[in-house]
Amino acid sequence: MKMIRAFAKINIFLEVTGVRPDGFHDIDTVMQTVSLCDDLYFAVNGSGVLSLDCPDVPGPQEKNLVWRAARLYLDRAGLNDGIDIKVEKRIPQGAGLGGGSADAAAALRCLNGIYGAFSRDGLLALAAELGSDVPFCVAGGAARAEGRGDILSPLPRILPDCFIVTAKGGLSTSTAEAYKKIDALEYTPKINDTAGLFETGDLEKICRSAFNRFEDAAAFDREAADILSSHGALAARMTGSGSAVYGVFTDENRAEAAKDELLQTKRFAAVCRPVRTEE
């Protein structure tokens, strides 16, 4: 049996830059993988059957992104092995933390570690077929993503070492509805200065540039963001289309205090750190 970790992501910057001819939206975002993770276990057998044990995500296994990623890999590689997959979830669902995408990316990475059927570019191409965030979750670290999120430009450094508190309460908004609300807004797309600031390694400047257009259109948990700010977060923003928020801290004690207060409000909360996928 082989185990692999699926790391969550946060959006340090996220702007919606327009609507594409195919009806999807173009975005400009800077993402960073963080140490909050799910654990996936893979066991190869001779049954020829692909099975998934993921009790925290209801519904038929064939609709689960992990199962779909594994099925896609095996089919494209021309493999008939049976594989049993077990997923232990820690990343909240529907939070903008990329949990489903991270799990699918981990499945691709793990299977490629076992079989080696695809180059890095080939694996990223498979990932793009599964969802906009999946290629980034395969690559990990820090990257600027454009287009539908599938045009990746890796950044030379990851976020400087810090403590990141992620939090999610009961608020939720569908991504489709959030995009509809953004389409109704009148705004000039904000210039992405964040990507360039990663080269400086200046955490305070990076945090001052943090931005998320979805805060204007989705269920933004302002109370959680205010709690993070009250404990000294350098940035307190929503990630993805929400509803999770994150706060960036230089002091571990302040991060832990913010987490504890958020837990007292019956929210999910965890302290994590920036990582690269290979970690």
Protein backbone atom coordinates (compact mmCIF):
# COMPACT_ATOMS: atom_id res chain seq x y z
CA MET A 1 0.00 0.00 0.00
CA LYS A 2 1.23 3.47 -0.89
CA MET A 3 0.20 6.68 0.90
CA ILE A 4 0.30 10.18 -0.57
CA ARG A 5 -0.76 13.53 0.84
CA ALA A 6 -3.12 15.87 -0.96
CA PHE A 7 -2.36 19.46 0.02
CA ALA A 8 -4.96 22.22 0.19
CA LYS A 9 -4.42 25.54 -1.56
CA ILE A 10 -5.20 29.17 -0.85
CA ASN A 11 -5.64 32.01 -3.32
CA ILE A 12 -3.48 34.96 -2.33
CA PHE A 13 -4.82 36.93 -5.30
CA LEU A 14 -7.90 36.13 -7.38
CA GLU A 15 -9.43 38.32 -10.06
CA VAL A 16 -12.06 37.46 -12.65
CA THR A 17 -10.89 39.09 -15.87
CA GLY A 18 -13.72 38.27 -18.27
CA VAL A 19 -16.10 35.77 -19.82
CA ARG A 20 -14.78 33.37 -22.45
CA PRO A 21 -16.56 32.47 -25.71
CA ASP A 22 -17.23 29.00 -24.27
CA GLY A 23 -19.13 30.52 -21.35
CA PHE A 24 -16.43 29.88 -18.77
CA HIS A 25 -14.55 32.73 -17.08
CA ASP A 26 -10.95 33.85 -17.37
CA ILE A 27 -9.19 34.40 -14.08
CA ASP A 28 -5.85 35.69 -12.88
CA THR A 29 -4.80 34.16 -9.59
CA VAL A 30 -1.82 33.40 -7.39
CA MET A 31 -2.12 30.14 -5.46
CA GLN A 32 -0.06 28.54 -2.73
CA THR A 33 -0.22 24.98 -1.40
CA VAL A 34 -0.46 24.68 2.38
CA SER A 35 0.17 21.83 4.82
CA LEU A 36 -3.52 21.17 5.56
CA CYS A 37 -3.99 17.89 3.73
CA ASP A 38 -5.99 14.74 3.07
CA ASP A 39 -4.28 11.33 3.09
CA LEU A 40 -4.85 8.89 0.21
CA TYR A 41 -3.93 5.21 0.30
CA PHE A 42 -3.46 3.07 -2.84
CA ALA A 43 -3.23 -0.71 -3.03
CA VAL A 44 -2.72 -2.39 -6.40
CA ASN A 45 -4.28 -5.83 -6.90
CA GLY A 46 -5.16 -8.24 -9.69
CA SER A 47 -8.93 -7.82 -9.58
CA GLY A 48 -9.19 -5.36 -12.46
CA VAL A 49 -11.62 -3.33 -10.33
CA LEU A 50 -11.11 0.30 -9.29
CA SER A 51 -12.71 0.89 -5.89
CA LEU A 52 -12.89 3.98 -3.69
CA ASP A 53 -13.50 4.27 0.05
CA CYS A 54 -14.28 7.92 0.82
CA PRO A 55 -17.10 8.03 3.38
CA ASP A 56 -16.80 11.79 3.95
CA VAL A 57 -17.89 12.52 0.36
CA PRO A 58 -21.35 11.04 -0.31
CA GLY A 59 -22.58 9.86 -3.69
CA PRO A 60 -21.60 7.20 -6.24
CA GLN A 61 -17.86 6.57 -6.40
CA GLU A 62 -17.91 7.07 -10.17
CA LYS A 63 -18.74 10.76 -9.61
CA ASN A 64 -15.96 11.31 -7.10
CA LEU A 65 -13.07 13.27 -8.58
CA VAL A 66 -10.53 10.86 -7.10
CA TRP A 67 -12.15 7.87 -8.80
CA ARG A 68 -12.45 9.81 -12.06
CA ALA A 69 -8.76 10.80 -11.90
CA ALA A 70 -7.65 7.22 -11.29
CA ARG A 71 -9.94 5.89 -14.02
CA LEU A 72 -8.62 8.48 -16.48
CA TYR A 73 -5.01 7.62 -15.66
CA LEU A 74 -5.51 3.87 -16.02
CA ASP A 75 -7.47 4.17 -19.25
CA ARG A 76 -5.01 6.52 -20.93
CA ALA A 77 -2.08 4.40 -19.79
CA GLY A 78 -3.74 1.22 -21.06
CA LEU A 79 -3.63 -0.43 -17.63
CA ASN A 80 -6.03 -3.08 -16.33
CA ASP A 81 -4.86 -3.41 -12.74
CA GLY A 82 -7.29 -3.31 -9.87
CA ILE A 83 -6.70 -0.54 -7.34
CA ASP A 84 -8.27 0.04 -3.93
CA ILE A 85 -8.20 3.70 -2.86
CA LYS A 86 -8.98 5.02 0.60
CA VAL A 87 -9.30 8.75 1.34
CA GLU A 88 -9.00 10.23 4.83
CA LYS A 89 -10.41 13.75 4.64
CA ARG A 90 -9.24 16.77 6.62
CA ILE A 91 -9.79 19.52 4.06
CA PRO A 92 -13.37 20.85 4.34
CA GLN A 93 -15.59 20.32 1.31
CA GLY A 94 -16.90 23.26 -0.71
CA ALA A 95 -14.54 25.68 0.99
CA GLY A 96 -12.41 27.09 -1.82
CA LEU A 97 -9.44 25.20 -0.40
CA GLY A 98 -9.26 22.85 -3.40
CA GLY A 99 -9.92 19.65 -1.46
CA GLY A 100 -11.46 17.70 -4.34
CA SER A 101 -8.89 19.00 -6.82
CA ALA A 102 -6.04 18.22 -4.43
CA ASP A 103 -7.28 14.64 -3.98
CA ALA A 104 -7.58 14.14 -7.73
CA ALA A 105 -4.10 15.57 -8.26
CA ALA A 106 -2.70 13.29 -5.56
CA ALA A 107 -4.27 10.30 -7.29
CA LEU A 108 -2.55 11.24 -10.56
CA ARG A 109 0.77 11.82 -8.83
CA CYS A 110 0.60 8.57 -6.88
CA LEU A 111 -0.32 6.44 -9.90
CA ASN A 112 2.41 8.06 -11.94
CA GLY A 113 4.83 7.26 -9.13
CA ILE A 114 3.77 3.62 -9.39
CA TYR A 115 3.58 3.27 -13.17
CA GLY A 116 5.53 6.22 -14.62
CA ALA A 117 3.35 6.28 -17.73
CA PHE A 118 3.38 10.05 -18.27
CA SER A 119 5.84 12.91 -18.36
CA ARG A 120 5.18 15.91 -16.13
CA ASP A 121 3.54 17.75 -19.03
CA GLY A 122 1.46 14.69 -19.85
CA LEU A 123 0.28 14.48 -16.25
CA LEU A 124 -0.66 18.16 -16.27
CA ALA A 125 -2.64 17.62 -19.47
CA LEU A 126 -4.60 14.82 -17.80
CA ALA A 127 -5.17 17.07 -14.78
CA ALA A 128 -6.61 19.83 -16.99
CA GLU A 129 -9.32 17.44 -18.16
CA LEU A 130 -10.53 17.00 -14.59
CA GLY A 131 -10.87 20.61 -13.44
CA SER A 132 -9.36 24.07 -13.44
CA ASP A 133 -7.48 23.74 -10.13
CA VAL A 134 -6.21 20.19 -10.66
CA PRO A 135 -3.11 21.13 -12.73
CA PHE A 136 -1.97 23.53 -10.02
CA CYS A 137 -2.54 20.90 -7.35
CA VAL A 138 -0.36 18.50 -9.35
CA ALA A 139 2.41 21.09 -9.63
CA GLY A 140 1.99 22.62 -6.16
CA GLY A 141 4.18 25.23 -4.53
CA ALA A 142 3.31 28.74 -5.66
CA ALA A 143 2.12 29.66 -9.14
CA ARG A 144 0.21 32.23 -11.12
CA ALA A 145 -2.70 30.70 -13.00
CA GLU A 146 -4.53 32.34 -15.89
CA GLY A 147 -7.14 31.37 -18.46
CA ARG A 148 -9.54 28.96 -16.77
CA GLY A 149 -6.83 28.39 -14.18
CA ASP A 150 -4.99 25.88 -16.34
CA ILE A 151 -2.28 28.19 -17.71
CA LEU A 152 0.36 27.91 -15.01
CA SER A 153 3.43 30.03 -14.42
CA PRO A 154 5.38 28.63 -11.43
CA LEU A 155 6.75 31.34 -9.14
CA PRO A 156 10.43 31.31 -8.18
CA ARG A 157 9.68 31.14 -4.46
CA ILE A 158 6.87 29.84 -2.33
CA LEU A 159 5.27 32.08 0.29
CA PRO A 160 7.83 33.00 2.96
CA ASP A 161 7.58 30.80 6.03
CA CYS A 162 4.57 31.81 8.09
CA PHE A 163 1.54 30.43 9.92
CA ILE A 164 -1.73 30.28 7.99
CA VAL A 165 -5.02 29.83 9.78
CA THR A 166 -7.78 28.41 7.59
CA ALA A 167 -11.38 28.63 8.79
CA LYS A 168 -14.79 27.61 7.49
CA GLY A 169 -18.22 28.11 8.99
CA GLY A 170 -21.66 27.24 7.69
CA LEU A 171 -21.90 29.83 4.91
CA SER A 172 -21.94 28.58 1.34
CA THR A 173 -22.47 29.89 -2.17
CA SER A 174 -22.31 27.89 -5.38
CA THR A 175 -19.45 28.90 -7.65
CA ALA A 176 -21.87 29.26 -10.57
CA GLU A 177 -24.04 31.69 -8.61
CA ALA A 178 -20.99 33.66 -7.49
CA TYR A 179 -19.86 34.06 -11.11
CA LYS A 180 -23.34 35.28 -12.07
CA LYS A 181 -23.12 37.95 -9.38
CA ILE A 182 -19.66 38.97 -10.57
CA ASP A 183 -20.97 39.25 -14.13
CA ALA A 184 -23.51 41.78 -12.86
CA LEU A 185 -20.85 43.94 -11.23
CA GLU A 186 -19.21 46.92 -12.89
CA TYR A 187 -15.49 46.92 -12.18
CA THR A 188 -12.10 47.28 -13.78
CA PRO A 189 -10.04 44.13 -13.25
CA LYS A 190 -7.38 44.64 -10.63
CA ILE A 191 -3.76 44.33 -11.75
CA ASN A 192 -2.00 41.29 -10.34
CA ASP A 193 1.03 42.69 -8.51
CA THR A 194 1.16 39.73 -6.14
CA ALA A 195 2.99 37.38 -8.51
CA GLY A 196 5.92 39.77 -8.85
CA LEU A 197 6.10 40.33 -5.11
CA PHE A 198 6.79 36.64 -4.52
CA GLU A 199 10.25 37.25 -5.96
CA THR A 200 11.02 39.74 -3.17
CA GLY A 201 10.23 37.32 -0.35
CA ASP A 202 8.63 40.23 1.53
CA LEU A 203 5.69 38.66 3.35
CA GLU A 204 4.15 41.95 4.45
CA LYS A 205 4.11 43.34 0.91
CA ILE A 206 2.64 40.11 -0.44
CA CYS A 207 -0.09 40.22 2.18
CA ARG A 208 -0.90 43.86 1.46
CA SER A 209 -1.49 42.87 -2.17
CA ALA A 210 -3.85 40.01 -1.26
CA PHE A 211 -7.23 40.28 -3.01
CA ASN A 212 -10.23 38.17 -3.94
CA ARG A 213 -12.98 39.38 -6.29
CA PHE A 214 -15.35 36.72 -4.95
CA GLU A 215 -15.59 38.58 -1.67
CA ASP A 216 -17.96 40.92 -3.55
CA ALA A 217 -20.17 38.11 -4.83
CA ALA A 218 -20.03 35.02 -2.59
CA ALA A 219 -20.78 34.15 1.03
CA PHE A 220 -17.77 35.93 2.55
CA ASP A 221 -17.43 35.09 6.26
CA ARG A 222 -16.54 38.59 7.40
CA GLU A 223 -16.86 37.67 11.06
CA ALA A 224 -14.16 35.00 10.69
CA ALA A 225 -11.97 37.45 8.75
CA ASP A 226 -12.45 40.03 11.52
CA ILE A 227 -11.42 37.47 14.15
CA LEU A 228 -8.26 36.71 12.19
CA SER A 229 -7.49 40.43 11.82
CA SER A 230 -8.09 41.05 15.53
CA HIS A 231 -5.30 38.58 16.33
CA GLY A 232 -2.85 40.35 14.05
CA ALA A 233 -3.20 38.61 10.68
CA LEU A 234 -1.21 40.36 7.97
CA ALA A 235 -3.98 39.39 5.53
CA ALA A 236 -7.44 37.95 6.15
CA ARG A 237 -9.06 36.92 2.89
CA MET A 238 -11.47 34.44 1.36
CA THR A 239 -9.94 31.65 -0.71
CA GLY A 240 -11.38 30.57 -4.05
CA SER A 241 -15.08 31.25 -4.32
CA GLY A 242 -15.40 30.57 -0.59
CA SER A 243 -16.59 30.19 1.92
CA ALA A 244 -13.33 29.44 3.76
CA VAL A 245 -11.12 32.31 4.81
CA TYR A 246 -7.47 32.35 5.79
CA GLY A 247 -5.23 34.58 7.86
CA VAL A 248 -1.46 34.93 7.50
CA PHE A 249 0.60 35.29 10.69
CA THR A 250 4.27 35.63 11.52
CA ASP A 251 3.69 34.64 15.15
CA GLU A 252 2.63 31.06 15.93
CA ASN A 253 1.05 31.96 19.27
CA ARG A 254 -1.21 34.54 17.64
CA ALA A 255 -2.16 32.05 14.94
CA GLU A 256 -3.04 29.43 17.57
CA ALA A 257 -5.08 31.99 19.54
CA ALA A 258 -7.03 32.92 16.40
CA LYS A 259 -7.64 29.24 15.65
CA ASP A 260 -8.89 28.63 19.20
CA GLU A 261 -11.34 31.54 19.04
CA LEU A 262 -12.65 30.35 15.68
CA LEU A 263 -13.12 26.83 17.05
CA GLN A 264 -15.15 28.30 19.91
CA THR A 265 -17.56 29.74 17.32
CA LYS A 266 -18.16 26.19 16.00
CA ARG A 267 -16.18 26.78 12.81
CA PHE A 268 -13.59 24.47 11.34
CA ALA A 269 -10.15 25.99 11.94
CA ALA A 270 -6.59 24.77 11.50
CA VAL A 271 -3.08 26.21 11.52
CA CYS A 272 -0.90 25.26 8.57
CA ARG A 273 2.19 26.46 6.71
CA PRO A 274 3.24 27.00 3.07
CA VAL A 275 4.59 23.84 1.41
CA ARG A 276 5.67 22.45 -1.91
CA THR A 277 3.72 19.47 -3.24
CA GLU A 278 6.73 17.14 -2.99
CA GLU A 279 6.79 17.73 0.77
